[in-house]
C-alpha atoms as a PDB file:
ATOM      1  CA  MET A   1      -5.313 -22.530  13.899  1.00  0.00           C
ATOM      2  CA  ASP A   2      -3.795 -24.478  10.933  1.00  0.00           C
ATOM      3  CA  LEU A   3      -7.400 -24.213   9.653  1.00  0.00           C
ATOM      4  CA  VAL A   4      -8.273 -21.024  10.455  1.00  0.00           C
ATOM      5  CA  LYS A   5      -4.574 -19.738   8.754  1.00  0.00           C
ATOM      6  CA  ARG A   6      -5.962 -21.231   4.963  1.00  0.00           C
ATOM      7  CA  SER A   7      -9.905 -19.686   5.976  1.00  0.00           C
ATOM      8  CA  PHE A   8      -7.559 -16.114   6.510  1.00  0.00           C
ATOM      9  CA  ILE A   9      -4.996 -16.379   3.850  1.00  0.00           C
ATOM     10  CA  ARG A  10      -8.617 -16.778   0.632  1.00  0.00           C
ATOM     11  CA  ALA A  11     -10.027 -14.128   2.536  1.00  0.00           C
ATOM     12  CA  CYS A  12      -6.621 -11.940   2.130  1.00  0.00           C
ATOM     13  CA  LYS A  13      -6.662 -12.426  -1.732  1.00  0.00           C
ATOM     14  CA  ASN A  14     -10.987 -11.335  -1.891  1.00  0.00           C
ATOM     15  CA  HIS A  15     -10.526  -8.586  -0.102  1.00  0.00           C
ATOM     16  CA  SER A  16      -6.515  -7.667  -1.531  1.00  0.00           C
ATOM     17  CA  TYR A  17      -5.515  -5.232   1.464  1.00  0.00           C
ATOM     18  CA  LEU A  18      -7.300  -4.988   5.101  1.00  0.00           C
ATOM     19  CA  SER A  19      -7.361  -2.135   7.733  1.00  0.00           C
ATOM     20  CA  PHE A  20      -6.877  -3.798  11.194  1.00  0.00           C
ATOM     21  CA  GLN A  21     -10.454  -3.747  11.532  1.00  0.00           C
ATOM     22  CA  MET A  22     -11.499  -6.007   9.058  1.00  0.00           C
ATOM     23  CA  ILE A  23      -8.736  -8.812  10.336  1.00  0.00           C
ATOM     24  CA  SER A  24     -10.464  -9.314  13.656  1.00  0.00           C
ATOM     25  CA  GLN A  25     -13.673  -8.797  11.912  1.00  0.00           C
ATOM     26  CA  ILE A  26     -12.859 -11.542   9.703  1.00  0.00           C
ATOM     27  CA  LEU A  27     -11.200 -13.568  12.779  1.00  0.00           C
ATOM     28  CA  THR A  28     -13.585 -13.257  15.173  1.00  0.00           C
ATOM     29  CA  PRO A  29     -15.826 -16.008  14.220  1.00  0.00           C
ATOM     30  CA  LEU A  30     -13.352 -18.516  12.204  1.00  0.00           C
ATOM     31  CA  CYS A  31     -11.675 -18.535  15.049  1.00  0.00           C
ATOM     32  CA  GLU A  32     -15.014 -18.754  17.112  1.00  0.00           C
ATOM     33  CA  THR A  33     -15.866 -21.485  14.843  1.00  0.00           C
ATOM     34  CA  HIS A  34     -12.993 -23.669  15.167  1.00  0.00           C
ATOM     35  CA  LYS A  35     -12.469 -23.002  19.351  1.00  0.00           C
ATOM     36  CA  VAL A  36      -8.434 -21.401  18.757  1.00  0.00           C
ATOM     37  CA  ARG A  37      -8.198 -18.215  20.954  1.00  0.00           C
ATOM     38  CA  GLN A  38      -8.080 -14.818  18.368  1.00  0.00           C
ATOM     39  CA  PRO A  39      -5.162 -12.808  18.337  1.00  0.00           C
ATOM     40  CA  THR A  40      -6.778  -9.283  19.207  1.00  0.00           C
ATOM     41  CA  SER A  41      -3.799  -6.949  19.655  1.00  0.00           C
ATOM     42  CA  LYS A  42      -1.397  -5.266  17.178  1.00  0.00           C
ATOM     43  CA  GLU A  43       0.932  -7.273  18.041  1.00  0.00           C
ATOM     44  CA  ALA A  44      -0.306 -10.683  18.610  1.00  0.00           C
ATOM     45  CA  ILE A  45      -1.862  -9.829  14.687  1.00  0.00           C
ATOM     46  CA  LYS A  46       1.239  -9.036  12.974  1.00  0.00           C
ATOM     47  CA  ALA A  47       2.869 -12.679  14.531  1.00  0.00           C
ATOM     48  CA  PHE A  48      -0.102 -14.444  13.465  1.00  0.00           C
ATOM     49  CA  VAL A  49       0.233 -12.996   9.660  1.00  0.00           C
ATOM     50  CA  GLY A  50       4.392 -14.225  10.635  1.00  0.00           C
ATOM     51  CA  GLU A  51       3.880 -17.775  10.475  1.00  0.00           C
ATOM     52  CA  ILE A  52       1.204 -17.255   8.053  1.00  0.00           C
ATOM     53  CA  ASN A  53       3.915 -15.931   5.449  1.00  0.00           C
ATOM     54  CA  ASP A  54       6.254 -18.471   6.378  1.00  0.00           C
ATOM     55  CA  SER A  55       3.920 -21.242   4.228  1.00  0.00           C
ATOM     56  CA  ILE A  56       2.894 -18.388   1.907  1.00  0.00           C
ATOM     57  CA  ASN A  57       6.263 -16.923   0.823  1.00  0.00           C
ATOM     58  CA  ASN A  58       7.948 -20.344  -1.511  1.00  0.00           C
ATOM     59  CA  LEU A  59       4.395 -19.840  -2.524  1.00  0.00           C
ATOM     60  CA  GLY A  60       5.674 -16.383  -4.169  1.00  0.00           C
ATOM     61  CA  GLN A  61       2.680 -14.798  -1.704  1.00  0.00           C
ATOM     62  CA  SER A  62       3.282 -12.446   0.596  1.00  0.00           C
ATOM     63  CA  LEU A  63       1.216 -10.562   3.053  1.00  0.00           C
ATOM     64  CA  VAL A  64       2.797  -7.150   3.950  1.00  0.00           C
ATOM     65  CA  PHE A  65       1.730  -4.544   7.000  1.00  0.00           C
ATOM     66  CA  VAL A  66       2.024  -1.084   5.049  1.00  0.00           C
ATOM     67  CA  LYS A  67       1.758   2.175   6.552  1.00  0.00           C
ATOM     68  CA  TYR A  68      -1.136   3.956   3.812  1.00  0.00           C
ATOM     69  CA  ASN A  69      -0.789   7.893   5.235  1.00  0.00           C
ATOM     70  CA  ILE A  70      -3.168   9.752   2.863  1.00  0.00           C
ATOM     71  CA  ALA A  71      -5.689   7.853   4.897  1.00  0.00           C
ATOM     72  CA  SER A  72      -4.248   7.956   7.646  1.00  0.00           C
ATOM     73  CA  GLU A  73      -4.289   3.624   7.624  1.00  0.00           C
ATOM     74  CA  GLU A  74      -2.049   1.022   7.893  1.00  0.00           C
ATOM     75  CA  TYR A  75      -3.467  -2.197   6.133  1.00  0.00           C
ATOM     76  CA  LEU A  76      -2.608  -5.837   5.215  1.00  0.00           C
ATOM     77  CA  VAL A  77      -1.938  -5.741   1.351  1.00  0.00           C
ATOM     78  CA  TYR A  78      -1.907  -9.230   0.040  1.00  0.00           C
ATOM     79  CA  SER A  79       0.801  -9.310  -3.247  1.00  0.00           C
ATOM     80  CA  LYS A  80       2.837 -11.757  -5.438  1.00  0.00           C
ATOM     81  CA  THR A  81       6.057 -11.152  -5.343  1.00  0.00           C
ATOM     82  CA  ASP A  82       8.696 -10.108  -7.456  1.00  0.00           C
ATOM     83  CA  ALA A  83       5.070  -7.833  -9.921  1.00  0.00           C
ATOM     84  CA  THR A  84       5.712  -5.373 -12.578  1.00  0.00           C
ATOM     85  CA  PRO A  85       3.116  -3.448 -13.977  1.00  0.00           C
ATOM     86  CA  ASP A  86       2.672  -6.374 -16.855  1.00  0.00           C
ATOM     87  CA  THR A  87       1.751  -8.902 -14.202  1.00  0.00           C
ATOM     88  CA  VAL A  88      -0.111  -7.730 -11.729  1.00  0.00           C
ATOM     89  CA  VAL A  89      -3.692  -7.129 -13.469  1.00  0.00           C
ATOM     90  CA  ASN A  90      -5.584 -10.227 -14.165  1.00  0.00           C
ATOM     91  CA  THR A  91      -4.523 -12.219 -16.520  1.00  0.00           C
ATOM     92  CA  GLY A  92      -7.975 -12.182 -18.599  1.00  0.00           C
ATOM     93  CA  LEU A  93      -7.075  -8.954 -19.590  1.00  0.00           C
ATOM     94  CA  THR A  94      -7.228  -7.478 -23.503  1.00  0.00           C
ATOM     95  CA  ALA A  95      -4.146  -5.883 -24.432  1.00  0.00           C
ATOM     96  CA  GLU A  96      -5.175  -1.964 -24.395  1.00  0.00           C
ATOM     97  CA  GLU A  97      -6.861  -2.748 -21.323  1.00  0.00           C
ATOM     98  CA  CYS A  98      -3.382  -4.512 -19.327  1.00  0.00           C
ATOM     99  CA  GLN A  99      -1.703  -0.768 -21.591  1.00  0.00           C
ATOM    100  CA  TYR A 100      -4.218   1.109 -19.410  1.00  0.00           C
ATOM    101  CA  PHE A 101      -2.745  -0.200 -16.852  1.00  0.00           C
ATOM    102  CA  SER A 102       0.798   0.352 -17.188  1.00  0.00           C
ATOM    103  CA  LYS A 103      -0.190   4.116 -18.153  1.00  0.00           C
ATOM    104  CA  LEU A 104      -2.001   5.175 -15.075  1.00  0.00           C
ATOM    105  CA  LEU A 105       0.401   3.395 -13.264  1.00  0.00           C
ATOM    106  CA  ASP A 106       3.308   5.305 -14.876  1.00  0.00           C
ATOM    107  CA  ARG A 107       1.073   9.120 -15.115  1.00  0.00           C
ATOM    108  CA  ILE A 108       0.184   8.870 -11.027  1.00  0.00           C
ATOM    109  CA  ALA A 109       3.277   8.217 -10.216  1.00  0.00           C
ATOM    110  CA  SER A 110       5.176  10.297 -12.136  1.00  0.00           C
ATOM    111  CA  GLN A 111       3.784  13.003 -10.547  1.00  0.00           C
ATOM    112  CA  GLU A 112       5.927  14.611  -7.011  1.00  0.00           C
ATOM    113  CA  ASP A 113       2.631  13.777  -5.174  1.00  0.00           C
ATOM    114  CA  CYS A 114       1.753  10.594  -6.946  1.00  0.00           C
ATOM    115  CA  CYS A 115      -1.374  11.434  -7.588  1.00  0.00           C
ATOM    116  CA  ILE A 116      -3.581  13.141 -10.198  1.00  0.00           C
ATOM    117  CA  PRO A 117      -7.039  14.214 -10.760  1.00  0.00           C
ATOM    118  CA  TRP A 118     -10.005  12.342 -11.591  1.00  0.00           C
ATOM    119  CA  ASN A 119     -10.608  13.424 -15.095  1.00  0.00           C
ATOM    120  CA  ALA A 120      -6.754  12.679 -15.690  1.00  0.00           C
ATOM    121  CA  ALA A 121      -7.576   9.010 -15.628  1.00  0.00           C
ATOM    122  CA  TYR A 122      -9.848   9.510 -18.661  1.00  0.00           C
ATOM    123  CA  ASN A 123      -7.134  11.882 -21.032  1.00  0.00           C
ATOM    124  CA  GLU A 124      -7.624  10.389 -24.523  1.00  0.00           C
ATOM    125  CA  ASN A 125      -4.125  10.146 -24.645  1.00  0.00           C
ATOM    126  CA  MET A 126      -4.023   7.502 -21.354  1.00  0.00           C
ATOM    127  CA  HIS A 127      -5.959   5.300 -24.093  1.00  0.00           C
ATOM    128  CA  SER A 128      -6.388   3.447 -27.121  1.00  0.00           C
ATOM    129  CA  LYS A 129      -9.441   3.564 -29.061  1.00  0.00           C
ATOM    130  CA  SER A 130     -11.532   1.087 -28.108  1.00  0.00           C
ATOM    131  CA  LEU A 131     -11.927   1.718 -24.767  1.00  0.00           C
ATOM    132  CA  HIS A 132     -14.631   3.864 -23.838  1.00  0.00           C
ATOM    133  CA  LYS A 133     -15.048   6.270 -20.893  1.00  0.00           C
ATOM    134  CA  GLY A 134     -17.468   3.715 -19.029  1.00  0.00           C
ATOM    135  CA  HIS A 135     -15.363   0.089 -19.472  1.00  0.00           C
ATOM    136  CA  MET A 136     -12.811   2.766 -18.203  1.00  0.00           C
ATOM    137  CA  GLN A 137     -14.259   4.268 -15.074  1.00  0.00           C
ATOM    138  CA  GLN A 138     -15.097  -0.068 -14.662  1.00  0.00           C
ATOM    139  CA  LEU A 139     -11.703  -1.152 -15.142  1.00  0.00           C
ATOM    140  CA  LEU A 140     -10.305   1.190 -12.273  1.00  0.00           C
ATOM    141  CA  LYS A 141     -13.245   0.490  -9.932  1.00  0.00           C
ATOM    142  CA  LYS A 142     -11.710  -3.296 -10.496  1.00  0.00           C
ATOM    143  CA  TRP A 143      -8.200  -2.137  -9.765  1.00  0.00           C
ATOM    144  CA  CYS A 144      -9.136   0.480  -6.490  1.00  0.00           C
ATOM    145  CA  ASN A 145     -11.289  -2.443  -4.693  1.00  0.00           C
ATOM    146  CA  MET A 146      -7.810  -4.120  -5.570  1.00  0.00           C
ATOM    147  CA  GLY A 147      -6.062  -1.877  -4.189  1.00  0.00           C
ATOM    148  CA  TYR A 148      -3.879  -0.717  -6.749  1.00  0.00           C
ATOM    149  CA  PHE A 149      -5.134   3.076  -6.879  1.00  0.00           C
ATOM    150  CA  GLN A 150      -6.904   5.306  -4.412  1.00  0.00           C
ATOM    151  CA  GLU A 151      -9.725   7.155  -5.513  1.00  0.00           C
ATOM    152  CA  ILE A 152      -9.697   9.884  -2.662  1.00  0.00           C
ATOM    153  CA  ASP A 153     -11.305  13.894  -2.886  1.00  0.00           C
ATOM    154  CA  ASP A 154     -11.685  13.257  -6.778  1.00  0.00           C
ATOM    155  CA  SER A 155      -7.755  12.437  -6.825  1.00  0.00           C
ATOM    156  CA  PHE A 156      -6.453   8.901  -8.340  1.00  0.00           C
ATOM    157  CA  TYR A 157      -3.589   7.882  -6.032  1.00  0.00           C
ATOM    158  CA  LEU A 158      -0.950   4.936  -5.833  1.00  0.00           C
ATOM    159  CA  GLY A 159      -3.176   2.222  -3.679  1.00  0.00           C
ATOM    160  CA  PRO A 160      -1.492  -0.045  -0.734  1.00  0.00           C
ATOM    161  CA  ARG A 161      -1.185  -2.658  -2.953  1.00  0.00           C
ATOM    162  CA  SER A 162       0.824  -1.291  -5.127  1.00  0.00           C
ATOM    163  CA  LEU A 163       3.334   0.154  -2.982  1.00  0.00           C
ATOM    164  CA  VAL A 164       3.832  -3.084  -1.851  1.00  0.00           C
ATOM    165  CA  GLU A 165       3.910  -5.021  -4.926  1.00  0.00           C
ATOM    166  CA  LEU A 166       5.707  -3.049  -6.873  1.00  0.00           C
ATOM    167  CA  SER A 167       7.676  -0.952  -4.881  1.00  0.00           C
ATOM    168  CA  PHE A 168      10.930  -2.287  -6.762  1.00  0.00           C
ATOM    169  CA  TYR A 169       9.791  -1.318 -10.143  1.00  0.00           C
ATOM    170  CA  LEU A 170       8.267   2.188  -8.678  1.00  0.00           C
ATOM    171  CA  SER A 171      11.503   3.347  -6.350  1.00  0.00           C
ATOM    172  CA  SER A 172      13.866   2.837  -9.147  1.00  0.00           C
ATOM    173  CA  ASN A 173      11.829   4.448 -12.126  1.00  0.00           C
ATOM    174  CA  TYR A 174      10.951   7.145 -10.084  1.00  0.00           C
ATOM    175  CA  SER A 175      13.512   7.847  -7.574  1.00  0.00           C
ATOM    176  CA  GLU A 176      13.668  11.170  -7.520  1.00  0.00           C
ATOM    177  CA  HIS A 177      11.189  11.434  -5.253  1.00  0.00           C
ATOM    178  CA  ILE A 178       9.660   7.368  -4.783  1.00  0.00           C
ATOM    179  CA  LYS A 179      11.577   6.438  -2.090  1.00  0.00           C
ATOM    180  CA  ASN A 180      12.319   4.140   0.830  1.00  0.00           C
ATOM    181  CA  CYS A 181      12.032   4.770   4.345  1.00  0.00           C
ATOM    182  CA  THR A 182      15.441   4.324   5.459  1.00  0.00           C
ATOM    183  CA  LEU A 183      14.061   2.760   9.266  1.00  0.00           C
ATOM    184  CA  CYS A 184      12.219   0.949   8.122  1.00  0.00           C
ATOM    185  CA  LYS A 185      12.771   0.463   4.292  1.00  0.00           C
ATOM    186  CA  GLY A 186       9.382   0.652   2.877  1.00  0.00           C
ATOM    187  CA  LEU A 187       8.297   3.043   0.825  1.00  0.00           C
ATOM    188  CA  VAL A 188       7.646   6.137   1.972  1.00  0.00           C
ATOM    189  CA  MET A 189       5.248   8.731   0.829  1.00  0.00           C
ATOM    190  CA  TRP A 190       3.086  11.422   1.827  1.00  0.00           C
ATOM    191  CA  ASP A 191       4.193  11.769   5.489  1.00  0.00           C
ATOM    192  CA  ILE A 192       7.120  14.333   7.537  1.00  0.00           C
ATOM    193  CA  ARG A 193       9.924  15.060   5.974  1.00  0.00           C
ATOM    194  CA  CYS A 194      12.835  16.626   7.559  1.00  0.00           C
ATOM    195  CA  SER A 195      13.561  20.213   8.681  1.00  0.00           C
ATOM    196  CA  SER A 196      17.335  20.400   7.507  1.00  0.00           C
ATOM    197  CA  CYS A 197      17.867  17.493   4.694  1.00  0.00           C
ATOM    198  CA  GLN A 198      13.812  17.658   3.330  1.00  0.00           C
ATOM    199  CA  ILE A 199      14.609  13.404   3.889  1.00  0.00           C
ATOM    200  CA  GLN A 200      11.497  11.339   4.414  1.00  0.00           C
ATOM    201  CA  PHE A 201      10.053   8.913   7.184  1.00  0.00           C
ATOM    202  CA  HIS A 202       7.444   6.864   8.089  1.00  0.00           C
ATOM    203  CA  ARG A 203       5.601   9.419  11.292  1.00  0.00           C
ATOM    204  CA  GLU A 204       5.833   6.128  13.127  1.00  0.00           C
ATOM    205  CA  CYS A 205       8.970   5.094  12.229  1.00  0.00           C
ATOM    206  CA  ILE A 206      10.900   8.462  13.226  1.00  0.00           C
ATOM    207  CA  HIS A 207       8.514   9.361  15.860  1.00  0.00           C
ATOM    208  CA  LYS A 208       9.524   5.665  17.255  1.00  0.00           C
ATOM    209  CA  TYR A 209      13.160   6.706  17.024  1.00  0.00           C
ATOM    210  CA  LEU A 210      13.835   9.727  18.592  1.00  0.00           C
ATOM    211  CA  GLN A 211      12.082   8.246  21.934  1.00  0.00           C
ATOM    212  CA  LYS A 212      16.242   7.616  21.732  1.00  0.00           C
ATOM    213  CA  ARG A 213      17.473  10.456  19.871  1.00  0.00           C
ATOM    214  CA  ASP A 214      16.888  13.779  18.751  1.00  0.00           C
ATOM    215  CA  ILE A 215      18.832  14.129  16.032  1.00  0.00           C
ATOM    216  CA  CYS A 216      18.248  13.139  11.999  1.00  0.00           C
ATOM    217  CA  PRO A 217      18.561   9.776  11.279  1.00  0.00           C
ATOM    218  CA  SER A 218      19.786  10.961   7.819  1.00  0.00           C
ATOM    219  CA  CYS A 219      21.964  14.055   8.372  1.00  0.00           C
ATOM    220  CA  SER A 220      22.259  13.961  11.635  1.00  0.00           C
ATOM    221  CA  ASN A 221      21.151  17.930  13.023  1.00  0.00           C
ATOM    222  CA  LEU A 222      19.333  18.653  15.055  1.00  0.00           C
ATOM    223  CA  TRP A 223      15.303  17.266  14.811  1.00  0.00           C
ATOM    224  CA  THR A 224      13.025  20.086  14.702  1.00  0.00           C
ATOM    225  CA  THR A 225       9.912  19.522  12.583  1.00  0.00           C
ATOM    226  CA  PRO A 226       6.653  19.259  14.349  1.00  0.00           C
ATOM    227  CA  LEU A 227       5.434  15.030  14.363  1.00  0.00           C
ATOM    228  CA  ARG A 228       1.814  15.943  14.697  1.00  0.00           C
ATOM    229  CA  ARG A 229      -0.213  16.752  11.803  1.00  0.00           C
ATOM    230  CA  SER A 230      -1.990  19.590  11.041  1.00  0.00           C
ATOM    231  CA  THR A 231      -5.227  18.150  11.482  1.00  0.00           C
ATOM    232  CA  ASP A 232      -4.926  16.394  14.491  1.00  0.00           C
ATOM    233  CA  ALA A 233      -6.391  16.627  17.595  1.00  0.00           C
ATOM    234  CA  SER A 234      -5.382  18.473  20.692  1.00  0.00           C
END
C-alpha cells in the first residue's frame, strides 16, 4: 500500500485537484498492479487520504477535501501549507506574471460573488504593458488547470485550490463577504444562507446539522430556508 500512496501523491501533485471519479480512475490501476484492496466509498477514500496526510504534513504539503459549490462538486486538493499569493505560483514566472496573478486573485476576491466577467481578466489595469493578451490567456489557462481559478459561463471564479491554499489570506483580507462555515470551518461560498441572519453554510453541513436540530446554529432561530436548490430534480 505504501507504493500506492506514493504514486497517488504524485498524481495529486500533477493534477492539483481531483474529483472522486478521477480519484477512482487513478486508484483502480494502482491497486490492481500492487494487488491491494482499493478504497471505493467516499468514507474509505477520505480515510486513505488521511493516512497520507499524516506522512506529508511535516513536508509543508497537504491533501484537503473542499466543497466547491459553484460546480456542485467536492474535490481533493493538493496544497502547500502556509501559502500566500506571492508563493503559490511557479518560481519560474517573471515579476510581472506574479503581479498579474496577485491582481487577478484580489480582483476576484473583492467581488461579493467572488467572480468577474472573462473580459475583466484582461483589463489594462490588471497587468503591465509587457504582458499581451495572448500571454495572459496562457497564464489564466495554466492557473485554471492548477485549480487557482475556474472559468464557468464566461466568468472567472476563485478555484478550489485557492479556497484551500489561500483560505487564511482570503478570509483575512476579504472578511466582509468571504467567511468560514461555522460547522466545518472551511471557506464557504455560493451556498445556502439562513433566512434570518443571512449567515452562509455549506448545504451538506447544514443538512447534517438539521437532522438533529431545527434551528440555525448561528442565530438559533427556526431554520426556514429550503435545503433543495431550485435546479434540483424533484
